[in-house]
């Protein structure tokens, strides 16, 4: 009896690639594509480097806006501080709406001392 020796599968006289070889080829193709994609990204980012002057301009702009907002806020606080409110109105709002005295006073000042408007503002 002769031992049958396993011969590789032949297709058109050529060896058929095994599953491992096919997976290996697919993996290599995928890795090459991933490397190419990564190269595109890094090239794009290198082209887009940030200029120090642009950064300092942006910071200056933000600081200017913040300063402007603080000035407006201080002016508004000064304006509200000049509004006269009665202690009885503050107590009424505090008792009815169950809010702190500072919130009741602030809402009264925002509405020019109008109790009804302050109550409406607190309910919305």
PDB file of N, CA and C in Angstrom:
ATOM      1  N   UNK A   1       0.828  -1.166   0.000  1.00  0.00           N
ATOM      2  CA  UNK A   1       0.000   0.000   0.000  1.00  0.00           C
ATOM      3  C   UNK A   1       0.880   1.239   0.000  1.00  0.00           C
ATOM      4  N   UNK A   2       0.430   2.184  -0.705  1.00  0.00           N
ATOM      5  CA  UNK A   2       1.211   3.417  -0.764  1.00  0.00           C
ATOM      6  C   UNK A   2       0.542   4.478   0.093  1.00  0.00           C
ATOM      7  N   UNK A   3       1.371   5.304   0.656  1.00  0.00           N
ATOM      8  CA  UNK A   3       0.850   6.413   1.462  1.00  0.00           C
ATOM      9  C   UNK A   3       0.459   7.553   0.532  1.00  0.00           C
ATOM     10  N   UNK A   4      -0.778   7.886   0.588  1.00  0.00           N
ATOM     11  CA  UNK A   4      -1.141   9.023  -0.249  1.00  0.00           C
ATOM     12  C   UNK A   4      -0.569  10.301   0.374  1.00  0.00           C
ATOM     13  N   UNK A   5       0.133  11.041  -0.401  1.00  0.00           N
ATOM     14  CA  UNK A   5       0.717  12.309   0.064  1.00  0.00           C
ATOM     15  C   UNK A   5      -0.238  13.419  -0.350  1.00  0.00           C
ATOM     16  N   UNK A   6      -0.550  14.251   0.595  1.00  0.00           N
ATOM     17  CA  UNK A   6      -1.470  15.339   0.301  1.00  0.00           C
ATOM     18  C   UNK A   6      -0.791  16.324  -0.630  1.00  0.00           C
ATOM     19  N   UNK A   7      -1.384  16.521  -1.759  1.00  0.00           N
ATOM     20  CA  UNK A   7      -0.834  17.464  -2.705  1.00  0.00           C
ATOM     21  C   UNK A   7      -1.632  18.759  -2.596  1.00  0.00           C
ATOM     22  N   UNK A   8      -0.964  19.874  -2.816  1.00  0.00           N
ATOM     23  CA  UNK A   8      -1.691  21.147  -2.755  1.00  0.00           C
ATOM     24  C   UNK A   8      -2.747  21.201  -3.844  1.00  0.00           C
ATOM     25  N   UNK A   9      -3.819  21.933  -3.544  1.00  0.00           N
ATOM     26  CA  UNK A   9      -4.888  22.089  -4.515  1.00  0.00           C
ATOM     27  C   UNK A   9      -4.360  22.879  -5.703  1.00  0.00           C
ATOM     28  N   UNK A  10      -4.640  22.386  -6.877  1.00  0.00           N
ATOM     29  CA  UNK A  10      -4.185  23.068  -8.073  1.00  0.00           C
ATOM     30  C   UNK A  10      -5.386  23.630  -8.807  1.00  0.00           C
ATOM     31  N   UNK A  11      -5.263  24.859  -9.201  1.00  0.00           N
ATOM     32  CA  UNK A  11      -6.284  25.493 -10.003  1.00  0.00           C
ATOM     33  C   UNK A  11      -5.577  26.031 -11.231  1.00  0.00           C
ATOM     34  N   UNK A  12      -5.958  25.546 -12.371  1.00  0.00           N
ATOM     35  CA  UNK A  12      -5.306  25.936 -13.622  1.00  0.00           C
ATOM     36  C   UNK A  12      -3.797  25.767 -13.547  1.00  0.00           C
ATOM     37  N   UNK A  13      -3.360  24.720 -12.900  1.00  0.00           N
ATOM     38  CA  UNK A  13      -1.948  24.435 -12.814  1.00  0.00           C
ATOM     39  C   UNK A  13      -1.214  25.290 -11.787  1.00  0.00           C
ATOM     40  N   UNK A  14      -1.912  26.096 -10.998  1.00  0.00           N
ATOM     41  CA  UNK A  14      -1.272  26.933  -9.994  1.00  0.00           C
ATOM     42  C   UNK A  14      -1.822  26.573  -8.626  1.00  0.00           C
ATOM     43  N   UNK A  15      -1.021  26.827  -7.614  1.00  0.00           N
ATOM     44  CA  UNK A  15      -1.482  26.575  -6.245  1.00  0.00           C
ATOM     45  C   UNK A  15      -2.554  27.590  -5.870  1.00  0.00           C
ATOM     46  N   UNK A  16      -3.590  27.089  -5.244  1.00  0.00           N
ATOM     47  CA  UNK A  16      -4.647  27.978  -4.756  1.00  0.00           C
ATOM     48  C   UNK A  16      -4.178  28.554  -3.427  1.00  0.00           C
ATOM     49  N   UNK A  17      -4.263  29.845  -3.249  1.00  0.00           N
ATOM     50  CA  UNK A  17      -3.807  30.418  -1.980  1.00  0.00           C
ATOM     51  C   UNK A  17      -4.674  29.927  -0.826  1.00  0.00           C
ATOM     52  N   UNK A  18      -4.008  29.662   0.276  1.00  0.00           N
ATOM     53  CA  UNK A  18      -4.745  29.195   1.451  1.00  0.00           C
ATOM     54  C   UNK A  18      -5.464  30.371   2.114  1.00  0.00           C
ATOM     55  N   UNK A  19      -6.347  30.046   3.056  1.00  0.00           N
ATOM     56  CA  UNK A  19      -7.105  31.081   3.756  1.00  0.00           C
ATOM     57  C   UNK A  19      -6.187  32.004   4.541  1.00  0.00           C
ATOM     58  N   UNK A  20      -5.138  31.453   5.156  1.00  0.00           N
ATOM     59  CA  UNK A  20      -4.198  32.268   5.922  1.00  0.00           C
ATOM     60  C   UNK A  20      -3.510  33.284   5.027  1.00  0.00           C
ATOM     61  N   UNK A  21      -3.127  32.840   3.817  1.00  0.00           N
ATOM     62  CA  UNK A  21      -2.463  33.752   2.895  1.00  0.00           C
ATOM     63  C   UNK A  21      -3.415  34.855   2.450  1.00  0.00           C
ATOM     64  N   UNK A  22      -4.676  34.486   2.208  1.00  0.00           N
ATOM     65  CA  UNK A  22      -5.670  35.479   1.804  1.00  0.00           C
ATOM     66  C   UNK A  22      -5.884  36.511   2.900  1.00  0.00           C
ATOM     67  N   UNK A  23      -5.988  36.038   4.137  1.00  0.00           N
ATOM     68  CA  UNK A  23      -6.181  36.961   5.257  1.00  0.00           C
ATOM     69  C   UNK A  23      -4.962  37.849   5.440  1.00  0.00           C
ATOM     70  N   UNK A  24      -3.794  37.278   5.235  1.00  0.00           N
ATOM     71  CA  UNK A  24      -2.559  38.035   5.349  1.00  0.00           C
ATOM     72  C   UNK A  24      -2.510  39.139   4.299  1.00  0.00           C
ATOM     73  N   UNK A  25      -2.906  38.800   3.074  1.00  0.00           N
ATOM     74  CA  UNK A  25      -2.927  39.790   1.990  1.00  0.00           C
ATOM     75  C   UNK A  25      -3.923  40.908   2.294  1.00  0.00           C
ATOM     76  N   UNK A  26      -5.109  40.522   2.772  1.00  0.00           N
ATOM     77  CA  UNK A  26      -6.129  41.517   3.109  1.00  0.00           C
ATOM     78  C   UNK A  26      -5.628  42.443   4.213  1.00  0.00           C
ATOM     79  N   UNK A  27      -4.955  41.861   5.206  1.00  0.00           N
ATOM     80  CA  UNK A  27      -4.441  42.652   6.323  1.00  0.00           C
ATOM     81  C   UNK A  27      -3.383  43.639   5.831  1.00  0.00           C
ATOM     82  N   UNK A  28      -2.511  43.195   4.941  1.00  0.00           N
ATOM     83  CA  UNK A  28      -1.472  44.066   4.406  1.00  0.00           C
ATOM     84  C   UNK A  28      -2.085  45.218   3.627  1.00  0.00           C
ATOM     85  N   UNK A  29      -3.092  44.915   2.806  1.00  0.00           N
ATOM     86  CA  UNK A  29      -3.765  45.966   2.038  1.00  0.00           C
ATOM     87  C   UNK A  29      -4.421  46.971   2.972  1.00  0.00           C
ATOM     88  N   UNK A  30      -5.057  46.465   4.027  1.00  0.00           N
ATOM     89  CA  UNK A  30      -5.716  47.342   4.993  1.00  0.00           C
ATOM     90  C   UNK A  30      -4.702  48.240   5.703  1.00  0.00           C
ATOM     91  N   UNK A  31      -3.572  47.657   6.079  1.00  0.00           N
ATOM     92  CA  UNK A  31      -2.534  48.433   6.760  1.00  0.00           C
ATOM     93  C   UNK A  31      -1.969  49.514   5.855  1.00  0.00           C
ATOM     94  N   UNK A  32      -1.781  49.191   4.572  1.00  0.00           N
ATOM     95  CA  UNK A  32      -1.274  50.183   3.626  1.00  0.00           C
ATOM     96  C   UNK A  32      -2.262  51.331   3.473  1.00  0.00           C
ATOM     97  N   UNK A  33      -3.544  50.996   3.393  1.00  0.00           N
ATOM     98  CA  UNK A  33      -4.568  52.025   3.262  1.00  0.00           C
ATOM     99  C   UNK A  33      -4.615  52.900   4.514  1.00  0.00           C
ATOM    100  N   UNK A  34      -4.493  52.267   5.679  1.00  0.00           N
ATOM    101  CA  UNK A  34      -4.517  53.016   6.935  1.00  0.00           C
ATOM    102  C   UNK A  34      -3.317  53.951   7.013  1.00  0.00           C
ATOM    103  N   UNK A  35      -2.145  53.482   6.593  1.00  0.00           N
ATOM    104  CA  UNK A  35      -0.943  54.328   6.593  1.00  0.00           C
ATOM    105  C   UNK A  35      -1.122  55.524   5.657  1.00  0.00           C
ATOM    106  N   UNK A  36      -1.707  55.276   4.498  1.00  0.00           N
ATOM    107  CA  UNK A  36      -1.928  56.359   3.537  1.00  0.00           C
ATOM    108  C   UNK A  36      -2.888  57.394   4.106  1.00  0.00           C
ATOM    109  N   UNK A  37      -3.952  56.935   4.768  1.00  0.00           N
ATOM    110  CA  UNK A  37      -4.913  57.848   5.378  1.00  0.00           C
ATOM    111  C   UNK A  37      -4.251  58.671   6.474  1.00  0.00           C
ATOM    112  N   UNK A  38      -3.442  58.024   7.292  1.00  0.00           N
ATOM    113  CA  UNK A  38      -2.747  58.725   8.366  1.00  0.00           C
ATOM    114  C   UNK A  38      -1.794  59.769   7.803  1.00  0.00           C
ATOM    115  N   UNK A  39      -1.132  59.441   6.738  1.00  0.00           N
ATOM    116  CA  UNK A  39      -0.200  60.377   6.092  1.00  0.00           C
ATOM    117  C   UNK A  39      -0.947  61.607   5.581  1.00  0.00           C
ATOM    118  N   UNK A  40      -2.138  61.393   5.011  1.00  0.00           N
ATOM    119  CA  UNK A  40      -2.945  62.521   4.532  1.00  0.00           C
ATOM    120  C   UNK A  40      -3.309  63.452   5.680  1.00  0.00           C
ATOM    121  N   UNK A  41      -3.685  62.864   6.812  1.00  0.00           N
ATOM    122  CA  UNK A  41      -4.087  63.662   7.965  1.00  0.00           C
ATOM    123  C   UNK A  41      -2.909  64.473   8.486  1.00  0.00           C
ATOM    124  N   UNK A  42      -1.766  63.839   8.665  1.00  0.00           N
ATOM    125  CA  UNK A  42      -0.615  64.570   9.210  1.00  0.00           C
ATOM    126  C   UNK A  42      -0.154  65.642   8.239  1.00  0.00           C
ATOM    127  N   UNK A  43      -0.217  65.381   6.931  1.00  0.00           N
ATOM    128  CA  UNK A  43       0.139  66.413   5.958  1.00  0.00           C
ATOM    129  C   UNK A  43      -0.796  67.607   6.088  1.00  0.00           C
ATOM    130  N   UNK A  44      -2.076  67.341   6.238  1.00  0.00           N
ATOM    131  CA  UNK A  44      -3.063  68.412   6.366  1.00  0.00           C
ATOM    132  C   UNK A  44      -2.801  69.232   7.618  1.00  0.00           C
ATOM    133  N   UNK A  45      -2.541  68.570   8.725  1.00  0.00           N
ATOM    134  CA  UNK A  45      -2.295  69.274   9.985  1.00  0.00           C
ATOM    135  C   UNK A  45      -1.012  70.092   9.918  1.00  0.00           C
ATOM    136  N   UNK A  46       0.001  69.576   9.254  1.00  0.00           N
ATOM    137  CA  UNK A  46       1.240  70.335   9.125  1.00  0.00           C
ATOM    138  C   UNK A  46       1.003  71.593   8.303  1.00  0.00           C
ATOM    139  N   UNK A  47       0.150  71.512   7.307  1.00  0.00           N
ATOM    140  CA  UNK A  47      -0.157  72.681   6.485  1.00  0.00           C
ATOM    141  C   UNK A  47      -0.945  73.725   7.259  1.00  0.00           C
ATOM    142  N   UNK A  48      -1.596  73.311   8.316  1.00  0.00           N
ATOM    143  CA  UNK A  48      -2.517  74.163   9.054  1.00  0.00           C
ATOM    144  C   UNK A  48      -1.905  74.694  10.352  1.00  0.00           C
ATOM    145  N   UNK A  49      -0.590  74.775  10.457  1.00  0.00           N
ATOM    146  CA  UNK A  49       0.051  75.215  11.690  1.00  0.00           C
ATOM    147  C   UNK A  49      -0.460  76.587  12.096  1.00  0.00           C
ATOM    148  N   UNK A  50      -0.556  76.776  13.390  1.00  0.00           N
ATOM    149  CA  UNK A  50      -1.120  78.002  13.928  1.00  0.00           C
ATOM    150  C   UNK A  50      -0.007  79.025  14.124  1.00  0.00           C
ATOM    151  N   UNK A  51      -0.273  80.215  13.703  1.00  0.00           N
ATOM    152  CA  UNK A  51       0.669  81.314  13.815  1.00  0.00           C
ATOM    153  C   UNK A  51       0.548  81.949  15.204  1.00  0.00           C
ATOM    154  N   UNK A  52       1.675  82.253  15.832  1.00  0.00           N
ATOM    155  CA  UNK A  52       1.663  82.864  17.170  1.00  0.00           C
ATOM    156  C   UNK A  52       0.942  84.207  17.166  1.00  0.00           C
ATOM    157  N   UNK A  53       1.083  84.950  16.092  1.00  0.00           N
ATOM    158  CA  UNK A  53       0.412  86.256  16.001  1.00  0.00           C
ATOM    159  C   UNK A  53      -1.100  86.080  16.022  1.00  0.00           C
ATOM    160  N   UNK A  54      -1.595  85.035  15.338  1.00  0.00           N
ATOM    161  CA  UNK A  54      -3.035  84.776  15.341  1.00  0.00           C
ATOM    162  C   UNK A  54      -3.521  84.435  16.742  1.00  0.00           C
ATOM    163  N   UNK A  55      -2.721  83.684  17.480  1.00  0.00           N
ATOM    164  CA  UNK A  55      -3.093  83.321  18.844  1.00  0.00           C
ATOM    165  C   UNK A  55      -3.169  84.564  19.720  1.00  0.00           C
ATOM    166  N   UNK A  56      -2.157  85.412  19.644  1.00  0.00           N
ATOM    167  CA  UNK A  56      -2.162  86.614  20.485  1.00  0.00           C
ATOM    168  C   UNK A  56      -3.288  87.559  20.091  1.00  0.00           C
ATOM    169  N   UNK A  57      -3.619  87.626  18.792  1.00  0.00           N
ATOM    170  CA  UNK A  57      -4.760  88.447  18.359  1.00  0.00           C
ATOM    171  C   UNK A  57      -6.064  87.911  18.938  1.00  0.00           C
ATOM    172  N   UNK A  58      -6.215  86.595  18.934  1.00  0.00           N
ATOM    173  CA  UNK A  58      -7.442  85.988  19.469  1.00  0.00           C
ATOM    174  C   UNK A  58      -7.559  86.239  20.968  1.00  0.00           C
ATOM    175  N   UNK A  59      -6.449  86.109  21.682  1.00  0.00           N
ATOM    176  CA  UNK A  59      -6.466  86.345  23.130  1.00  0.00           C
ATOM    177  C   UNK A  59      -6.811  87.796  23.425  1.00  0.00           C
ATOM    178  N   UNK A  60      -6.221  88.710  22.688  1.00  0.00           N
ATOM    179  CA  UNK A  60      -6.506  90.128  22.874  1.00  0.00           C
ATOM    180  C   UNK A  60      -7.983  90.424  22.623  1.00  0.00           C
ATOM    181  N   UNK A  61      -8.523  89.832  21.574  1.00  0.00           N
ATOM    182  CA  UNK A  61      -9.937  90.021  21.256  1.00  0.00           C
ATOM    183  C   UNK A  61     -10.835  89.509  22.376  1.00  0.00           C
ATOM    184  N   UNK A  62     -10.523  88.322  22.890  1.00  0.00           N
ATOM    185  CA  UNK A  62     -11.326  87.756  23.980  1.00  0.00           C
ATOM    186  C   UNK A  62     -11.229  88.592  25.247  1.00  0.00           C
ATOM    187  N   UNK A  63     -10.035  89.049  25.569  1.00  0.00           N
ATOM    188  CA  UNK A  63      -9.865  89.891  26.757  1.00  0.00           C
ATOM    189  C   UNK A  63     -10.630  91.200  26.610  1.00  0.00           C
ATOM    190  N   UNK A  64     -10.628  91.760  25.412  1.00  0.00           N
ATOM    191  CA  UNK A  64     -11.376  92.997  25.157  1.00  0.00           C
ATOM    192  C   UNK A  64     -12.869  92.791  25.340  1.00  0.00           C
ATOM    193  N   UNK A  65     -13.373  91.680  24.828  1.00  0.00           N
ATOM    194  CA  UNK A  65     -14.810  91.390  24.980  1.00  0.00           C
ATOM    195  C   UNK A  65     -15.174  91.180  26.447  1.00  0.00           C
ATOM    196  N   UNK A  66     -14.307  90.461  27.178  1.00  0.00           N
ATOM    197  CA  UNK A  66     -14.572  90.207  28.588  1.00  0.00           C
ATOM    198  C   UNK A  66     -14.579  91.521  29.370  1.00  0.00           C
ATOM    199  N   UNK A  67     -13.643  92.394  29.063  1.00  0.00           N
ATOM    200  CA  UNK A  67     -13.565  93.687  29.730  1.00  0.00           C
ATOM    201  C   UNK A  67     -14.814  94.519  29.436  1.00  0.00           C
ATOM    202  N   UNK A  68     -15.244  94.490  28.181  1.00  0.00           N
ATOM    203  CA  UNK A  68     -16.447  95.219  27.782  1.00  0.00           C
ATOM    204  C   UNK A  68     -17.684  94.686  28.516  1.00  0.00           C
ATOM    205  N   UNK A  69     -17.793  93.361  28.614  1.00  0.00           N
ATOM    206  CA  UNK A  69     -18.927  92.762  29.324  1.00  0.00           C
ATOM    207  C   UNK A  69     -18.913  93.138  30.800  1.00  0.00           C
ATOM    208  N   UNK A  70     -17.731  93.126  31.419  1.00  0.00           N
ATOM    209  CA  UNK A  70     -17.626  93.497  32.832  1.00  0.00           C
ATOM    210  C   UNK A  70     -18.003  94.954  33.051  1.00  0.00           C
ATOM    211  N   UNK A  71     -17.625  95.826  32.126  1.00  0.00           N
ATOM    212  CA  UNK A  71     -17.981  97.247  32.228  1.00  0.00           C
ATOM    213  C   UNK A  71     -19.490  97.422  32.138  1.00  0.00           C
ATOM    214  N   UNK A  72     -20.116  96.722  31.181  1.00  0.00           N
ATOM    215  CA  UNK A  72     -21.576  96.810  31.036  1.00  0.00           C
ATOM    216  C   UNK A  72     -22.279  96.270  32.278  1.00  0.00           C
ATOM    217  N   UNK A  73     -21.756  95.161  32.801  1.00  0.00           N
ATOM    218  CA  UNK A  73     -22.360  94.555  33.991  1.00  0.00           C
ATOM    219  C   UNK A  73     -22.262  95.495  35.186  1.00  0.00           C
ATOM    220  N   UNK A  74     -21.122  96.145  35.361  1.00  0.00           N
ATOM    221  CA  UNK A  74     -20.935  97.086  36.470  1.00  0.00           C
ATOM    222  C   UNK A  74     -21.871  98.283  36.323  1.00  0.00           C
ATOM    223  N   UNK A  75     -22.042  98.764  35.090  1.00  0.00           N
ATOM    224  CA  UNK A  75     -22.948  99.885  34.847  1.00  0.00           C
ATOM    225  C   UNK A  75     -24.385  99.479  35.155  1.00  0.00           C
ATOM    226  N   UNK A  76     -24.768  98.266  34.777  1.00  0.00           N
ATOM    227  CA  UNK A  76     -26.132  97.773  35.048  1.00  0.00           C
ATOM    228  C   UNK A  76     -26.356  97.628  36.547  1.00  0.00           C
ATOM    229  N   UNK A  77     -25.349  97.102  37.268  1.00  0.00           N
ATOM    230  CA  UNK A  77     -25.461  96.962  38.725  1.00  0.00           C
ATOM    231  C   UNK A  77     -25.606  98.332  39.388  1.00  0.00           C
ATOM    232  N   UNK A  78     -24.869  99.305  38.895  1.00  0.00           N
ATOM    233  CA  UNK A  78     -24.942 100.658  39.454  1.00  0.00           C
ATOM    234  C   UNK A  78     -26.326 101.254  39.207  1.00  0.00           C
ATOM    235  N   UNK A  79     -26.855 101.015  38.013  1.00  0.00           N
ATOM    236  CA  UNK A  79     -28.192 101.496  37.655  1.00  0.00           C
ATOM    237  C   UNK A  79     -29.254 100.849  38.543  1.00  0.00           C
ATOM    238  N   UNK A  80     -29.143  99.538  38.764  1.00  0.00           N
ATOM    239  CA  UNK A  80     -30.116  98.833  39.603  1.00  0.00           C
ATOM    240  C   UNK A  80     -30.009  99.264  41.062  1.00  0.00           C
ATOM    241  N   UNK A  81     -28.818  99.600  41.507  1.00  0.00           N
ATOM    242  CA  UNK A  81     -28.637 100.016  42.900  1.00  0.00           C
ATOM    243  C   UNK A  81     -29.358 101.329  43.190  1.00  0.00           C
ATOM    244  N   UNK A  82     -29.604 102.128  42.171  1.00  0.00           N
ATOM    245  CA  UNK A  82     -30.278 103.412  42.363  1.00  0.00           C
ATOM    246  C   UNK A  82     -31.796 103.272  42.475  1.00  0.00           C
ATOM    247  N   UNK A  83     -32.326 102.099  42.108  1.00  0.00           N
ATOM    248  CA  UNK A  83     -33.771 101.874  42.188  1.00  0.00           C
ATOM    249  C   UNK A  83     -34.157 101.687  43.651  1.00  0.00           C
ATOM    250  N   UNK A  84     -35.165 102.449  44.079  1.00  0.00           N
ATOM    251  CA  UNK A  84     -35.641 102.359  45.460  1.00  0.00           C
ATOM    252  C   UNK A  84     -36.659 101.224  45.576  1.00  0.00           C
ATOM    253  N   UNK A  85     -36.443 100.363  46.569  1.00  0.00           N
ATOM    254  CA  UNK A  85     -37.394  99.286  46.835  1.00  0.00           C
ATOM    255  C   UNK A  85     -37.789  99.355  48.304  1.00  0.00           C
ATOM    256  N   UNK A  86     -39.030  98.972  48.561  1.00  0.00           N
ATOM    257  CA  UNK A  86     -39.512  99.004  49.946  1.00  0.00           C
ATOM    258  C   UNK A  86     -39.261  97.667  50.610  1.00  0.00           C
ATOM    259  N   UNK A  87     -38.976  97.741  51.879  1.00  0.00           N
ATOM    260  CA  UNK A  87     -38.700  96.538  52.661  1.00  0.00           C
ATOM    261  C   UNK A  87     -39.932  95.623  52.709  1.00  0.00           C
ATOM    262  N   UNK A  88     -41.121  96.223  52.768  1.00  0.00           N
ATOM    263  CA  UNK A  88     -42.352  95.433  52.798  1.00  0.00           C
ATOM    264  C   UNK A  88     -42.527  94.620  51.519  1.00  0.00           C
ATOM    265  N   UNK A  89     -42.131  95.206  50.380  1.00  0.00           N
ATOM    266  CA  UNK A  89     -42.238  94.499  49.098  1.00  0.00           C
ATOM    267  C   UNK A  89     -41.288  93.296  49.066  1.00  0.00           C
ATOM    268  N   UNK A  90     -40.103  93.500  49.593  1.00  0.00           N
ATOM    269  CA  UNK A  90     -39.132  92.405  49.641  1.00  0.00           C
ATOM    270  C   UNK A  90     -39.670  91.274  50.509  1.00  0.00           C
ATOM    271  N   UNK A  91     -40.228  91.615  51.661  1.00  0.00           N
ATOM    272  CA  UNK A  91     -40.778  90.603  52.571  1.00  0.00           C
ATOM    273  C   UNK A  91     -41.958  89.874  51.928  1.00  0.00           C
ATOM    274  N   UNK A  92     -42.811  90.614  51.219  1.00  0.00           N
ATOM    275  CA  UNK A  92     -43.959  90.008  50.549  1.00  0.00           C
ATOM    276  C   UNK A  92     -43.490  88.964  49.523  1.00  0.00           C
ATOM    277  N   UNK A  93     -42.547  89.337  48.699  1.00  0.00           N
ATOM    278  CA  UNK A  93     -42.048  88.415  47.674  1.00  0.00           C
ATOM    279  C   UNK A  93     -41.342  87.228  48.323  1.00  0.00           C
ATOM    280  N   UNK A  94     -40.561  87.483  49.371  1.00  0.00           N
ATOM    281  CA  UNK A  94     -39.853  86.407  50.062  1.00  0.00           C
ATOM    282  C   UNK A  94     -40.838  85.403  50.639  1.00  0.00           C
ATOM    283  N   UNK A  95     -41.911  85.887  51.251  1.00  0.00           N
ATOM    284  CA  UNK A  95     -42.901  84.998  51.861  1.00  0.00           C
ATOM    285  C   UNK A  95     -43.742  84.263  50.818  1.00  0.00           C
ATOM    286  N   UNK A  96     -44.140  84.959  49.778  1.00  0.00           N
ATOM    287  CA  UNK A  96     -45.040  84.369  48.787  1.00  0.00           C
ATOM    288  C   UNK A  96     -44.321  83.396  47.839  1.00  0.00           C
ATOM    289  N   UNK A  97     -43.118  83.757  47.433  1.00  0.00           N
ATOM    290  CA  UNK A  97     -42.411  82.957  46.426  1.00  0.00           C
ATOM    291  C   UNK A  97     -41.360  82.031  47.035  1.00  0.00           C
ATOM    292  N   UNK A  98     -41.137  82.148  48.332  1.00  0.00           N
ATOM    293  CA  UNK A  98     -40.152  81.336  49.041  1.00  0.00           C
ATOM    294  C   UNK A  98     -38.775  81.433  48.376  1.00  0.00           C
ATOM    295  N   UNK A  99     -38.338  82.668  48.181  1.00  0.00           N
ATOM    296  CA  UNK A  99     -37.003  82.944  47.652  1.00  0.00           C
ATOM    297  C   UNK A  99     -36.241  83.754  48.693  1.00  0.00           C
ATOM    298  N   UNK A 100     -34.941  83.855  48.512  1.00  0.00           N
ATOM    299  CA  UNK A 100     -34.130  84.626  49.456  1.00  0.00           C
ATOM    300  C   UNK A 100     -34.400  86.124  49.292  1.00  0.00           C
ATOM    301  N   UNK A 101     -34.020  86.888  50.308  1.00  0.00           N
ATOM    302  CA  UNK A 101     -34.224  88.333  50.256  1.00  0.00           C
ATOM    303  C   UNK A 101     -33.397  88.970  49.143  1.00  0.00           C
ATOM    304  N   UNK A 102     -32.213  88.450  48.908  1.00  0.00           N
ATOM    305  CA  UNK A 102     -31.372  89.038  47.858  1.00  0.00           C
ATOM    306  C   UNK A 102     -31.996  88.840  46.472  1.00  0.00           C
ATOM    307  N   UNK A 103     -32.593  87.674  46.231  1.00  0.00           N
ATOM    308  CA  UNK A 103     -33.256  87.433  44.940  1.00  0.00           C
ATOM    309  C   UNK A 103     -34.491  88.311  44.820  1.00  0.00           C
ATOM    310  N   UNK A 104     -35.264  88.405  45.882  1.00  0.00           N
ATOM    311  CA  UNK A 104     -36.463  89.247  45.871  1.00  0.00           C
ATOM    312  C   UNK A 104     -36.084  90.709  45.602  1.00  0.00           C
ATOM    313  N   UNK A 105     -35.027  91.170  46.255  1.00  0.00           N
ATOM    314  CA  UNK A 105     -34.580  92.553  46.053  1.00  0.00           C
ATOM    315  C   UNK A 105     -34.089  92.764  44.626  1.00  0.00           C
ATOM    316  N   UNK A 106     -33.341  91.806  44.101  1.00  0.00           N
ATOM    317  CA  UNK A 106     -32.820  91.916  42.738  1.00  0.00           C
ATOM    318  C   UNK A 106     -33.964  91.988  41.726  1.00  0.00           C
ATOM    319  N   UNK A 107     -34.966  91.134  41.873  1.00  0.00           N
ATOM    320  CA  UNK A 107     -36.085  91.128  40.927  1.00  0.00           C
ATOM    321  C   UNK A 107     -36.899  92.417  41.032  1.00  0.00           C
ATOM    322  N   UNK A 108     -37.047  92.922  42.234  1.00  0.00           N
ATOM    323  CA  UNK A 108     -37.741  94.200  42.406  1.00  0.00           C
ATOM    324  C   UNK A 108     -36.966  95.320  41.715  1.00  0.00           C
ATOM    325  N   UNK A 109     -35.660  95.333  41.869  1.00  0.00           N
ATOM    326  CA  UNK A 109     -34.848  96.369  41.227  1.00  0.00           C
ATOM    327  C   UNK A 109     -34.915  96.251  39.701  1.00  0.00           C
ATOM    328  N   UNK A 110     -34.895  95.012  39.191  1.00  0.00           N
ATOM    329  CA  UNK A 110     -34.969  94.801  37.740  1.00  0.00           C
ATOM    330  C   UNK A 110     -36.289  95.295  37.161  1.00  0.00           C
ATOM    331  N   UNK A 111     -37.347  95.260  37.960  1.00  0.00           N
ATOM    332  CA  UNK A 111     -38.666  95.700  37.484  1.00  0.00           C
ATOM    333  C   UNK A 111     -38.989  97.121  37.924  1.00  0.00           C
ATOM    334  N   UNK A 112     -37.999  97.831  38.438  1.00  0.00           N
ATOM    335  CA  UNK A 112     -38.222  99.228  38.835  1.00  0.00           C
ATOM    336  C   UNK A 112     -39.059  99.358  40.087  1.00  0.00           C
ATOM    337  N   UNK A 113     -39.081  98.349  40.937  1.00  0.00           N
ATOM    338  CA  UNK A 113     -39.845  98.395  42.185  1.00  0.00           C
ATOM    339  C   UNK A 113     -41.279  97.915  42.039  1.00  0.00           C
ATOM    340  N   UNK A 114     -41.668  97.429  40.888  1.00  0.00           N
ATOM    341  CA  UNK A 114     -43.033  96.953  40.642  1.00  0.00           C
ATOM    342  C   UNK A 114     -43.169  95.526  41.186  1.00  0.00           C
ATOM    343  N   UNK A 115     -43.966  95.381  42.258  1.00  0.00           N
ATOM    344  CA  UNK A 115     -44.123  94.090  42.928  1.00  0.00           C
ATOM    345  C   UNK A 115     -44.778  93.060  42.008  1.00  0.00           C
ATOM    346  N   UNK A 116     -45.825  93.461  41.297  1.00  0.00           N
ATOM    347  CA  UNK A 116     -46.552  92.532  40.434  1.00  0.00           C
ATOM    348  C   UNK A 116     -45.625  92.002  39.331  1.00  0.00           C
ATOM    349  N   UNK A 117     -44.877  92.897  38.705  1.00  0.00           N
ATOM    350  CA  UNK A 117     -43.958  92.478  37.652  1.00  0.00           C
ATOM    351  C   UNK A 117     -42.861  91.560  38.197  1.00  0.00           C
ATOM    352  N   UNK A 118     -42.387  91.843  39.411  1.00  0.00           N
ATOM    353  CA  UNK A 118     -41.363  90.999  40.036  1.00  0.00           C
ATOM    354  C   UNK A 118     -41.918  89.606  40.293  1.00  0.00           C
ATOM    355  N   UNK A 119     -43.172  89.534  40.758  1.00  0.00           N
ATOM    356  CA  UNK A 119     -43.793  88.231  40.989  1.00  0.00           C
ATOM    357  C   UNK A 119     -43.958  87.461  39.682  1.00  0.00           C
ATOM    358  N   UNK A 120     -44.355  88.151  38.630  1.00  0.00           N
ATOM    359  CA  UNK A 120     -44.516  87.518  37.310  1.00  0.00           C
ATOM    360  C   UNK A 120     -43.155  87.033  36.820  1.00  0.00           C
ATOM    361  N   UNK A 121     -42.117  87.844  37.000  1.00  0.00           N
ATOM    362  CA  UNK A 121     -40.769  87.463  36.583  1.00  0.00           C
ATOM    363  C   UNK A 121     -40.280  86.217  37.321  1.00  0.00           C
ATOM    364  N   UNK A 122     -40.629  86.106  38.586  1.00  0.00           N
ATOM    365  CA  UNK A 122     -40.207  84.941  39.372  1.00  0.00           C
ATOM    366  C   UNK A 122     -40.997  83.678  39.008  1.00  0.00           C
ATOM    367  N   UNK A 123     -42.213  83.827  38.536  1.00  0.00           N
ATOM    368  CA  UNK A 123     -43.009  82.648  38.190  1.00  0.00           C
ATOM    369  C   UNK A 123     -42.656  82.101  36.807  1.00  0.00           C
ATOM    370  N   UNK A 124     -42.047  82.917  35.976  1.00  0.00           N
ATOM    371  CA  UNK A 124     -41.684  82.447  34.620  1.00  0.00           C
ATOM    372  C   UNK A 124     -40.369  81.830  34.603  1.00  0.00           C
TER     373      UNK A 124
END
